[in-house]
């Protein structure tokens, strides 16, 4: 017979340890921080060990807490995945893949014909969103995460990395060539928002700072007008339409570069991020996820 503490205390501890906060755990479980603290006290009394260090922020696990948290987290992950799969009819239900909007639109969707040819019996549901969906809550089966470093909260596999450089429609150049960084400023510069607010994101600010190190005259060059967008996809559409030059990912606009619809306006590039395939450990549809992962590596 299993000897287990109350499920409520286990849920409270797991959520608090995962978030590193009683307040965040309380919001997730729909209770008060005091209730979270009470449940964790009950769990500590049950196991006879303190699980969190009693000190001001940040919340830190004790040795006993560090030992308990991983199997408990993995167990709840498995419960969530199994519950989300209840009622599904095996491979007849699509594998739900969440991906950043621009990557889904420009890279993933155009290649789905290849997926169908290689895996004719496996359906996909593509969820294009810049929001990070909660795999533990069953919002998707697998996620393409776009990050500077490999995600550490769930098992992840790197699919590839990108670089950013100025691109434009060949019609914008009208046969002219951009030789120096300063020449770029004679054209409209197209910007888009970075949702992760990374101060080192490959933006025009970063590109111009790098270009000034090799072209001192850049600081005194005249500026063209700027055009800004909230969405990366809209910025790419504007570039394709010949409305200016943008700093774009060579992965996201790979097909446009290959077809000649877009060209590099300047050779100076900036490092981008990695594309990581993330899923729950021991997912009920692990064989499908492995097949999707293998296909993405070949298609990249």
C-alpha atoms as a PDB file:
ATOM      1  CA  UNK A   1       0.000   0.000   0.000  1.00  0.00           C
ATOM      2  CA  UNK A   2       1.373   3.423  -0.977  1.00  0.00           C
ATOM      3  CA  UNK A   3       2.140   5.883   1.804  1.00  0.00           C
ATOM      4  CA  UNK A   4       1.513   9.322   0.332  1.00  0.00           C
ATOM      5  CA  UNK A   5       0.813  12.741   1.843  1.00  0.00           C
ATOM      6  CA  UNK A   6      -2.319  14.671   0.802  1.00  0.00           C
ATOM      7  CA  UNK A   7      -2.395  15.494  -2.900  1.00  0.00           C
ATOM      8  CA  UNK A   8      -3.086  19.157  -2.119  1.00  0.00           C
ATOM      9  CA  UNK A   9       0.190  19.521  -0.238  1.00  0.00           C
ATOM     10  CA  UNK A  10       2.117  17.852  -3.056  1.00  0.00           C
ATOM     11  CA  UNK A  11       0.530  20.189  -5.632  1.00  0.00           C
ATOM     12  CA  UNK A  12       1.320  23.230  -3.486  1.00  0.00           C
ATOM     13  CA  UNK A  13       4.961  22.229  -3.037  1.00  0.00           C
ATOM     14  CA  UNK A  14       5.466  21.389  -6.718  1.00  0.00           C
ATOM     15  CA  UNK A  15       3.975  24.684  -7.900  1.00  0.00           C
ATOM     16  CA  UNK A  16       5.936  26.749  -5.367  1.00  0.00           C
ATOM     17  CA  UNK A  17       9.214  24.999  -6.228  1.00  0.00           C
ATOM     18  CA  UNK A  18       8.614  25.347  -9.974  1.00  0.00           C
ATOM     19  CA  UNK A  19       7.761  29.048  -9.792  1.00  0.00           C
ATOM     20  CA  UNK A  20      10.152  29.876  -6.961  1.00  0.00           C
ATOM     21  CA  UNK A  21       7.306  31.815  -5.358  1.00  0.00           C
ATOM     22  CA  UNK A  22       4.380  31.145  -3.014  1.00  0.00           C
ATOM     23  CA  UNK A  23       2.467  33.994  -4.674  1.00  0.00           C
ATOM     24  CA  UNK A  24       2.862  32.564  -8.194  1.00  0.00           C
ATOM     25  CA  UNK A  25       1.918  29.101  -6.963  1.00  0.00           C
ATOM     26  CA  UNK A  26      -1.177  30.539  -5.322  1.00  0.00           C
ATOM     27  CA  UNK A  27      -2.236  32.243  -8.561  1.00  0.00           C
ATOM     28  CA  UNK A  28      -1.797  29.006 -10.519  1.00  0.00           C
ATOM     29  CA  UNK A  29      -3.811  26.916  -8.051  1.00  0.00           C
ATOM     30  CA  UNK A  30      -6.448  29.568  -7.343  1.00  0.00           C
ATOM     31  CA  UNK A  31      -5.772  29.851  -3.607  1.00  0.00           C
ATOM     32  CA  UNK A  32      -4.060  32.326  -1.276  1.00  0.00           C
ATOM     33  CA  UNK A  33      -0.320  32.391  -0.502  1.00  0.00           C
ATOM     34  CA  UNK A  34      -1.251  31.593   3.097  1.00  0.00           C
ATOM     35  CA  UNK A  35      -2.981  28.414   1.926  1.00  0.00           C
ATOM     36  CA  UNK A  36       0.144  27.433  -0.032  1.00  0.00           C
ATOM     37  CA  UNK A  37       2.296  27.992   3.051  1.00  0.00           C
ATOM     38  CA  UNK A  38      -0.114  25.912   5.171  1.00  0.00           C
ATOM     39  CA  UNK A  39      -0.079  23.012   2.693  1.00  0.00           C
ATOM     40  CA  UNK A  40       3.708  23.018   2.553  1.00  0.00           C
ATOM     41  CA  UNK A  41       3.857  22.985   6.369  1.00  0.00           C
ATOM     42  CA  UNK A  42       1.644  19.900   6.334  1.00  0.00           C
ATOM     43  CA  UNK A  43       3.976  18.241   3.822  1.00  0.00           C
ATOM     44  CA  UNK A  44       7.030  19.096   5.911  1.00  0.00           C
ATOM     45  CA  UNK A  45       5.358  17.637   9.008  1.00  0.00           C
ATOM     46  CA  UNK A  46       4.519  14.508   7.019  1.00  0.00           C
ATOM     47  CA  UNK A  47       8.094  13.900   5.819  1.00  0.00           C
ATOM     48  CA  UNK A  48       9.830  15.312   8.893  1.00  0.00           C
ATOM     49  CA  UNK A  49      12.077  17.666   6.882  1.00  0.00           C
ATOM     50  CA  UNK A  50      12.009  21.329   5.929  1.00  0.00           C
ATOM     51  CA  UNK A  51      11.618  21.690   2.162  1.00  0.00           C
ATOM     52  CA  UNK A  52      12.285  25.429   1.775  1.00  0.00           C
ATOM     53  CA  UNK A  53      14.869  27.592   3.501  1.00  0.00           C
ATOM     54  CA  UNK A  54      13.055  30.016   5.782  1.00  0.00           C
ATOM     55  CA  UNK A  55      14.571  33.300   4.653  1.00  0.00           C
ATOM     56  CA  UNK A  56      13.559  36.357   2.609  1.00  0.00           C
ATOM     57  CA  UNK A  57      13.355  36.133  -1.146  1.00  0.00           C
ATOM     58  CA  UNK A  58      14.355  34.404  -3.307  1.00  0.00           C
ATOM     59  CA  UNK A  59      12.667  31.147  -2.375  1.00  0.00           C
ATOM     60  CA  UNK A  60      15.310  28.398  -2.080  1.00  0.00           C
ATOM     61  CA  UNK A  61      14.852  24.651  -1.706  1.00  0.00           C
ATOM     62  CA  UNK A  62      16.625  22.732   1.033  1.00  0.00           C
ATOM     63  CA  UNK A  63      18.521  19.532   0.231  1.00  0.00           C
ATOM     64  CA  UNK A  64      15.370  17.549   1.001  1.00  0.00           C
ATOM     65  CA  UNK A  65      13.307  19.835  -1.224  1.00  0.00           C
ATOM     66  CA  UNK A  66      15.771  19.455  -4.101  1.00  0.00           C
ATOM     67  CA  UNK A  67      15.507  15.700  -3.755  1.00  0.00           C
ATOM     68  CA  UNK A  68      11.709  15.683  -3.741  1.00  0.00           C
ATOM     69  CA  UNK A  69      11.013  18.235  -6.468  1.00  0.00           C
ATOM     70  CA  UNK A  70      12.260  16.500  -9.694  1.00  0.00           C
ATOM     71  CA  UNK A  71      10.276  13.237  -9.379  1.00  0.00           C
ATOM     72  CA  UNK A  72       7.218  15.161  -8.225  1.00  0.00           C
ATOM     73  CA  UNK A  73       7.454  17.624 -11.143  1.00  0.00           C
ATOM     74  CA  UNK A  74       7.942  14.798 -13.639  1.00  0.00           C
ATOM     75  CA  UNK A  75       5.016  12.934 -12.164  1.00  0.00           C
ATOM     76  CA  UNK A  76       2.670  15.892 -12.519  1.00  0.00           C
ATOM     77  CA  UNK A  77       3.954  16.444 -16.070  1.00  0.00           C
ATOM     78  CA  UNK A  78       3.060  12.847 -16.895  1.00  0.00           C
ATOM     79  CA  UNK A  79      -0.378  13.203 -15.277  1.00  0.00           C
ATOM     80  CA  UNK A  80      -1.085  16.360 -17.316  1.00  0.00           C
ATOM     81  CA  UNK A  81       0.018  14.776 -20.582  1.00  0.00           C
ATOM     82  CA  UNK A  82      -1.979  11.598 -19.937  1.00  0.00           C
ATOM     83  CA  UNK A  83      -5.075  13.569 -18.965  1.00  0.00           C
ATOM     84  CA  UNK A  84      -4.786  15.743 -22.084  1.00  0.00           C
ATOM     85  CA  UNK A  85      -4.604  12.623 -24.227  1.00  0.00           C
ATOM     86  CA  UNK A  86      -7.754  11.019 -22.779  1.00  0.00           C
ATOM     87  CA  UNK A  87     -10.397  10.620 -25.460  1.00  0.00           C
ATOM     88  CA  UNK A  88      -7.926  10.870 -28.316  1.00  0.00           C
ATOM     89  CA  UNK A  89      -7.965   8.168 -30.933  1.00  0.00           C
ATOM     90  CA  UNK A  90      -4.245   7.463 -31.350  1.00  0.00           C
ATOM     91  CA  UNK A  91      -2.624   8.884 -34.463  1.00  0.00           C
ATOM     92  CA  UNK A  92      -5.972  10.040 -35.890  1.00  0.00           C
ATOM     93  CA  UNK A  93      -5.727  13.083 -33.635  1.00  0.00           C
ATOM     94  CA  UNK A  94      -3.244  15.726 -34.874  1.00  0.00           C
ATOM     95  CA  UNK A  95       0.040  16.266 -33.078  1.00  0.00           C
ATOM     96  CA  UNK A  96      -0.281  19.832 -31.801  1.00  0.00           C
ATOM     97  CA  UNK A  97       2.845  21.875 -32.545  1.00  0.00           C
ATOM     98  CA  UNK A  98       3.221  25.419 -31.233  1.00  0.00           C
ATOM     99  CA  UNK A  99       5.731  27.715 -32.911  1.00  0.00           C
ATOM    100  CA  UNK A 100       6.565  31.443 -33.132  1.00  0.00           C
ATOM    101  CA  UNK A 101       4.373  33.102 -35.745  1.00  0.00           C
ATOM    102  CA  UNK A 102       7.097  34.089 -38.202  1.00  0.00           C
ATOM    103  CA  UNK A 103       8.795  30.678 -38.091  1.00  0.00           C
ATOM    104  CA  UNK A 104       5.459  28.898 -38.535  1.00  0.00           C
ATOM    105  CA  UNK A 105       4.429  31.068 -41.471  1.00  0.00           C
ATOM    106  CA  UNK A 106       7.721  31.344 -43.361  1.00  0.00           C
ATOM    107  CA  UNK A 107       9.511  28.085 -42.506  1.00  0.00           C
ATOM    108  CA  UNK A 108       7.204  25.422 -41.131  1.00  0.00           C
ATOM    109  CA  UNK A 109       3.985  25.779 -43.146  1.00  0.00           C
ATOM    110  CA  UNK A 110       5.685  25.819 -46.593  1.00  0.00           C
ATOM    111  CA  UNK A 111       7.402  22.509 -45.718  1.00  0.00           C
ATOM    112  CA  UNK A 112       4.309  20.622 -44.546  1.00  0.00           C
ATOM    113  CA  UNK A 113       4.014  18.955 -47.953  1.00  0.00           C
ATOM    114  CA  UNK A 114       7.341  17.258 -47.221  1.00  0.00           C
ATOM    115  CA  UNK A 115       6.036  16.153 -43.817  1.00  0.00           C
ATOM    116  CA  UNK A 116       2.932  14.592 -45.372  1.00  0.00           C
ATOM    117  CA  UNK A 117       5.070  12.746 -47.932  1.00  0.00           C
ATOM    118  CA  UNK A 118       7.374  11.359 -45.243  1.00  0.00           C
ATOM    119  CA  UNK A 119       4.628  10.687 -42.651  1.00  0.00           C
ATOM    120  CA  UNK A 120       1.362  10.195 -44.564  1.00  0.00           C
ATOM    121  CA  UNK A 121      -0.565   8.836 -41.575  1.00  0.00           C
ATOM    122  CA  UNK A 122       0.408  11.500 -39.036  1.00  0.00           C
ATOM    123  CA  UNK A 123      -1.580  14.722 -38.868  1.00  0.00           C
ATOM    124  CA  UNK A 124      -0.288  18.006 -37.498  1.00  0.00           C
ATOM    125  CA  UNK A 125      -2.053  20.988 -35.969  1.00  0.00           C
ATOM    126  CA  UNK A 126       0.159  24.083 -36.175  1.00  0.00           C
ATOM    127  CA  UNK A 127      -0.408  26.688 -33.468  1.00  0.00           C
ATOM    128  CA  UNK A 128       1.417  29.835 -34.590  1.00  0.00           C
ATOM    129  CA  UNK A 129       1.798  32.193 -31.644  1.00  0.00           C
ATOM    130  CA  UNK A 130       4.502  34.285 -30.011  1.00  0.00           C
ATOM    131  CA  UNK A 131       3.001  33.383 -26.640  1.00  0.00           C
ATOM    132  CA  UNK A 132       4.803  30.578 -24.782  1.00  0.00           C
ATOM    133  CA  UNK A 133       2.120  27.904 -24.376  1.00  0.00           C
ATOM    134  CA  UNK A 134       2.086  25.707 -21.273  1.00  0.00           C
ATOM    135  CA  UNK A 135       2.935  22.148 -22.305  1.00  0.00           C
ATOM    136  CA  UNK A 136       2.364  20.924 -18.766  1.00  0.00           C
ATOM    137  CA  UNK A 137      -1.213  22.176 -18.940  1.00  0.00           C
ATOM    138  CA  UNK A 138      -1.761  20.319 -22.220  1.00  0.00           C
ATOM    139  CA  UNK A 139      -1.976  23.446 -24.421  1.00  0.00           C
ATOM    140  CA  UNK A 140       0.207  21.702 -27.035  1.00  0.00           C
ATOM    141  CA  UNK A 141       2.104  18.444 -27.469  1.00  0.00           C
ATOM    142  CA  UNK A 142       5.412  19.875 -28.652  1.00  0.00           C
ATOM    143  CA  UNK A 143       6.833  23.379 -28.952  1.00  0.00           C
ATOM    144  CA  UNK A 144       9.380  25.088 -31.152  1.00  0.00           C
ATOM    145  CA  UNK A 145      11.064  27.524 -28.772  1.00  0.00           C
ATOM    146  CA  UNK A 146      13.194  30.370 -30.069  1.00  0.00           C
ATOM    147  CA  UNK A 147      15.796  31.340 -27.474  1.00  0.00           C
ATOM    148  CA  UNK A 148      19.388  32.424 -27.056  1.00  0.00           C
ATOM    149  CA  UNK A 149      20.110  29.371 -24.887  1.00  0.00           C
ATOM    150  CA  UNK A 150      18.595  25.911 -24.578  1.00  0.00           C
ATOM    151  CA  UNK A 151      15.458  25.873 -22.367  1.00  0.00           C
ATOM    152  CA  UNK A 152      16.133  24.136 -19.063  1.00  0.00           C
ATOM    153  CA  UNK A 153      12.605  23.576 -17.748  1.00  0.00           C
ATOM    154  CA  UNK A 154      11.800  20.666 -20.101  1.00  0.00           C
ATOM    155  CA  UNK A 155      13.751  18.263 -22.361  1.00  0.00           C
ATOM    156  CA  UNK A 156      14.863  20.170 -25.467  1.00  0.00           C
ATOM    157  CA  UNK A 157      16.658  19.387 -28.739  1.00  0.00           C
ATOM    158  CA  UNK A 158      18.361  22.064 -30.835  1.00  0.00           C
ATOM    159  CA  UNK A 159      17.161  22.071 -34.434  1.00  0.00           C
ATOM    160  CA  UNK A 160      19.357  24.892 -35.706  1.00  0.00           C
ATOM    161  CA  UNK A 161      20.461  28.496 -35.236  1.00  0.00           C
ATOM    162  CA  UNK A 162      20.055  31.616 -37.342  1.00  0.00           C
ATOM    163  CA  UNK A 163      21.882  34.824 -38.195  1.00  0.00           C
ATOM    164  CA  UNK A 164      20.502  38.273 -38.974  1.00  0.00           C
ATOM    165  CA  UNK A 165      21.561  40.638 -41.739  1.00  0.00           C
ATOM    166  CA  UNK A 166      20.082  43.517 -43.742  1.00  0.00           C
ATOM    167  CA  UNK A 167      17.821  42.348 -46.563  1.00  0.00           C
ATOM    168  CA  UNK A 168      15.690  44.091 -49.147  1.00  0.00           C
ATOM    169  CA  UNK A 169      13.883  43.616 -52.422  1.00  0.00           C
ATOM    170  CA  UNK A 170      16.245  43.828 -55.431  1.00  0.00           C
ATOM    171  CA  UNK A 171      13.826  46.381 -56.871  1.00  0.00           C
ATOM    172  CA  UNK A 172      14.669  48.765 -54.011  1.00  0.00           C
ATOM    173  CA  UNK A 173      18.317  48.857 -55.036  1.00  0.00           C
ATOM    174  CA  UNK A 174      17.451  49.402 -58.708  1.00  0.00           C
ATOM    175  CA  UNK A 175      20.771  47.950 -59.829  1.00  0.00           C
ATOM    176  CA  UNK A 176      22.835  49.905 -57.278  1.00  0.00           C
ATOM    177  CA  UNK A 177      25.156  48.238 -54.775  1.00  0.00           C
ATOM    178  CA  UNK A 178      25.590  49.038 -51.102  1.00  0.00           C
ATOM    179  CA  UNK A 179      29.326  49.007 -50.433  1.00  0.00           C
ATOM    180  CA  UNK A 180      29.581  50.617 -46.984  1.00  0.00           C
ATOM    181  CA  UNK A 181      27.477  50.531 -43.849  1.00  0.00           C
ATOM    182  CA  UNK A 182      26.864  54.240 -44.222  1.00  0.00           C
ATOM    183  CA  UNK A 183      25.168  53.603 -47.569  1.00  0.00           C
ATOM    184  CA  UNK A 184      22.424  51.624 -45.825  1.00  0.00           C
ATOM    185  CA  UNK A 185      21.232  54.796 -44.098  1.00  0.00           C
ATOM    186  CA  UNK A 186      20.202  56.280 -47.429  1.00  0.00           C
ATOM    187  CA  UNK A 187      17.258  53.850 -47.508  1.00  0.00           C
ATOM    188  CA  UNK A 188      14.185  53.460 -45.283  1.00  0.00           C
ATOM    189  CA  UNK A 189      14.979  51.225 -42.288  1.00  0.00           C
ATOM    190  CA  UNK A 190      12.250  48.782 -41.277  1.00  0.00           C
ATOM    191  CA  UNK A 191      11.949  47.756 -37.611  1.00  0.00           C
ATOM    192  CA  UNK A 192       9.799  45.279 -35.688  1.00  0.00           C
ATOM    193  CA  UNK A 193       9.278  44.647 -31.972  1.00  0.00           C
ATOM    194  CA  UNK A 194      11.133  41.932 -30.105  1.00  0.00           C
ATOM    195  CA  UNK A 195       8.603  40.395 -27.734  1.00  0.00           C
ATOM    196  CA  UNK A 196      11.279  38.985 -25.421  1.00  0.00           C
ATOM    197  CA  UNK A 197      12.681  42.505 -24.814  1.00  0.00           C
ATOM    198  CA  UNK A 198      16.230  41.182 -25.128  1.00  0.00           C
ATOM    199  CA  UNK A 199      18.567  44.217 -24.997  1.00  0.00           C
ATOM    200  CA  UNK A 200      21.044  42.311 -27.180  1.00  0.00           C
ATOM    201  CA  UNK A 201      18.493  41.312 -29.829  1.00  0.00           C
ATOM    202  CA  UNK A 202      19.763  41.634 -33.433  1.00  0.00           C
ATOM    203  CA  UNK A 203      18.089  44.969 -34.177  1.00  0.00           C
ATOM    204  CA  UNK A 204      19.125  47.950 -36.245  1.00  0.00           C
ATOM    205  CA  UNK A 205      20.604  49.508 -33.098  1.00  0.00           C
ATOM    206  CA  UNK A 206      22.921  46.537 -32.650  1.00  0.00           C
ATOM    207  CA  UNK A 207      23.760  46.334 -36.339  1.00  0.00           C
ATOM    208  CA  UNK A 208      24.637  50.034 -36.604  1.00  0.00           C
ATOM    209  CA  UNK A 209      26.783  49.851 -33.461  1.00  0.00           C
ATOM    210  CA  UNK A 210      28.724  46.953 -34.984  1.00  0.00           C
ATOM    211  CA  UNK A 211      29.002  48.667 -38.367  1.00  0.00           C
ATOM    212  CA  UNK A 212      30.459  51.815 -36.779  1.00  0.00           C
ATOM    213  CA  UNK A 213      33.411  49.783 -35.512  1.00  0.00           C
ATOM    214  CA  UNK A 214      34.473  49.079 -39.120  1.00  0.00           C
ATOM    215  CA  UNK A 215      33.106  52.218 -40.798  1.00  0.00           C
ATOM    216  CA  UNK A 216      33.822  55.345 -38.710  1.00  0.00           C
ATOM    217  CA  UNK A 217      32.032  57.528 -41.245  1.00  0.00           C
ATOM    218  CA  UNK A 218      28.754  55.842 -40.378  1.00  0.00           C
ATOM    219  CA  UNK A 219      28.192  58.124 -37.393  1.00  0.00           C
ATOM    220  CA  UNK A 220      28.012  61.220 -39.593  1.00  0.00           C
ATOM    221  CA  UNK A 221      25.929  59.710 -42.388  1.00  0.00           C
ATOM    222  CA  UNK A 222      22.505  61.072 -43.211  1.00  0.00           C
ATOM    223  CA  UNK A 223      19.461  59.060 -42.177  1.00  0.00           C
ATOM    224  CA  UNK A 224      16.547  57.916 -44.277  1.00  0.00           C
ATOM    225  CA  UNK A 225      13.106  57.563 -42.732  1.00  0.00           C
ATOM    226  CA  UNK A 226      12.089  54.626 -40.563  1.00  0.00           C
ATOM    227  CA  UNK A 227       9.080  52.309 -40.660  1.00  0.00           C
ATOM    228  CA  UNK A 228       8.091  50.267 -37.608  1.00  0.00           C
ATOM    229  CA  UNK A 229       5.830  47.261 -37.052  1.00  0.00           C
ATOM    230  CA  UNK A 230       4.658  45.350 -34.016  1.00  0.00           C
ATOM    231  CA  UNK A 231       4.734  42.008 -35.881  1.00  0.00           C
ATOM    232  CA  UNK A 232       7.817  40.531 -37.552  1.00  0.00           C
ATOM    233  CA  UNK A 233       5.657  39.097 -40.359  1.00  0.00           C
ATOM    234  CA  UNK A 234       4.374  42.552 -41.289  1.00  0.00           C
ATOM    235  CA  UNK A 235       7.933  43.870 -41.422  1.00  0.00           C
ATOM    236  CA  UNK A 236       8.917  41.046 -43.776  1.00  0.00           C
ATOM    237  CA  UNK A 237       5.899  41.793 -45.981  1.00  0.00           C
ATOM    238  CA  UNK A 238       7.016  45.433 -46.176  1.00  0.00           C
ATOM    239  CA  UNK A 239      10.534  44.381 -47.182  1.00  0.00           C
ATOM    240  CA  UNK A 240       9.190  42.064 -49.895  1.00  0.00           C
ATOM    241  CA  UNK A 241       7.058  44.964 -51.152  1.00  0.00           C
ATOM    242  CA  UNK A 242      10.201  47.064 -51.612  1.00  0.00           C
ATOM    243  CA  UNK A 243       9.451  49.544 -48.824  1.00  0.00           C
ATOM    244  CA  UNK A 244      12.857  49.431 -47.139  1.00  0.00           C
ATOM    245  CA  UNK A 245      15.637  47.355 -45.559  1.00  0.00           C
ATOM    246  CA  UNK A 246      15.170  45.186 -42.458  1.00  0.00           C
ATOM    247  CA  UNK A 247      17.403  43.056 -40.247  1.00  0.00           C
ATOM    248  CA  UNK A 248      15.970  39.549 -40.768  1.00  0.00           C
ATOM    249  CA  UNK A 249      16.682  35.937 -39.825  1.00  0.00           C
ATOM    250  CA  UNK A 250      18.298  33.877 -42.581  1.00  0.00           C
ATOM    251  CA  UNK A 251      16.154  30.915 -41.450  1.00  0.00           C
ATOM    252  CA  UNK A 252      12.809  32.712 -41.468  1.00  0.00           C
ATOM    253  CA  UNK A 253      13.341  34.293 -44.919  1.00  0.00           C
ATOM    254  CA  UNK A 254      15.387  31.430 -46.361  1.00  0.00           C
ATOM    255  CA  UNK A 255      12.921  30.686 -49.161  1.00  0.00           C
ATOM    256  CA  UNK A 256      12.745  34.335 -50.237  1.00  0.00           C
ATOM    257  CA  UNK A 257      16.546  34.502 -50.393  1.00  0.00           C
ATOM    258  CA  UNK A 258      16.739  31.276 -52.376  1.00  0.00           C
ATOM    259  CA  UNK A 259      14.166  32.464 -54.908  1.00  0.00           C
ATOM    260  CA  UNK A 260      15.758  35.909 -55.261  1.00  0.00           C
ATOM    261  CA  UNK A 261      12.654  37.659 -53.981  1.00  0.00           C
ATOM    262  CA  UNK A 262      14.923  39.165 -51.317  1.00  0.00           C
ATOM    263  CA  UNK A 263      18.674  39.826 -51.363  1.00  0.00           C
ATOM    264  CA  UNK A 264      21.306  40.709 -48.815  1.00  0.00           C
ATOM    265  CA  UNK A 265      21.729  44.458 -48.731  1.00  0.00           C
ATOM    266  CA  UNK A 266      25.022  44.240 -46.801  1.00  0.00           C
ATOM    267  CA  UNK A 267      27.340  41.395 -45.754  1.00  0.00           C
ATOM    268  CA  UNK A 268      27.618  42.353 -42.066  1.00  0.00           C
ATOM    269  CA  UNK A 269      25.561  39.922 -39.967  1.00  0.00           C
ATOM    270  CA  UNK A 270      24.643  39.446 -36.298  1.00  0.00           C
ATOM    271  CA  UNK A 271      24.248  36.184 -34.333  1.00  0.00           C
ATOM    272  CA  UNK A 272      20.646  35.152 -33.760  1.00  0.00           C
ATOM    273  CA  UNK A 273      19.065  32.488 -31.567  1.00  0.00           C
ATOM    274  CA  UNK A 274      18.507  28.759 -31.481  1.00  0.00           C
ATOM    275  CA  UNK A 275      15.389  26.847 -32.507  1.00  0.00           C
ATOM    276  CA  UNK A 276      14.643  24.169 -29.900  1.00  0.00           C
ATOM    277  CA  UNK A 277      12.067  21.397 -29.972  1.00  0.00           C
ATOM    278  CA  UNK A 278      10.594  21.005 -26.475  1.00  0.00           C
ATOM    279  CA  UNK A 279       8.182  18.405 -25.066  1.00  0.00           C
ATOM    280  CA  UNK A 280       7.245  16.747 -21.796  1.00  0.00           C
ATOM    281  CA  UNK A 281       9.359  13.781 -20.684  1.00  0.00           C
ATOM    282  CA  UNK A 282       7.755  10.396 -21.430  1.00  0.00           C
ATOM    283  CA  UNK A 283       4.947  12.024 -23.422  1.00  0.00           C
ATOM    284  CA  UNK A 284       2.166   9.555 -24.413  1.00  0.00           C
ATOM    285  CA  UNK A 285       2.803  10.494 -28.062  1.00  0.00           C
ATOM    286  CA  UNK A 286       6.570  10.284 -27.799  1.00  0.00           C
ATOM    287  CA  UNK A 287       6.987   8.234 -30.982  1.00  0.00           C
ATOM    288  CA  UNK A 288       5.187  10.924 -32.998  1.00  0.00           C
ATOM    289  CA  UNK A 289       7.272  13.653 -31.362  1.00  0.00           C
ATOM    290  CA  UNK A 290      10.471  11.751 -32.182  1.00  0.00           C
ATOM    291  CA  UNK A 291       9.358  11.433 -35.811  1.00  0.00           C
ATOM    292  CA  UNK A 292       8.606  15.159 -35.987  1.00  0.00           C
ATOM    293  CA  UNK A 293      11.973  15.985 -34.417  1.00  0.00           C
ATOM    294  CA  UNK A 294      13.840  13.788 -36.904  1.00  0.00           C
ATOM    295  CA  UNK A 295      11.951  15.354 -39.829  1.00  0.00           C
ATOM    296  CA  UNK A 296      12.734  18.896 -38.644  1.00  0.00           C
ATOM    297  CA  UNK A 297      16.441  18.117 -38.438  1.00  0.00           C
ATOM    298  CA  UNK A 298      16.422  16.859 -42.016  1.00  0.00           C
ATOM    299  CA  UNK A 299      14.348  19.803 -43.262  1.00  0.00           C
ATOM    300  CA  UNK A 300      16.465  22.446 -41.505  1.00  0.00           C
END
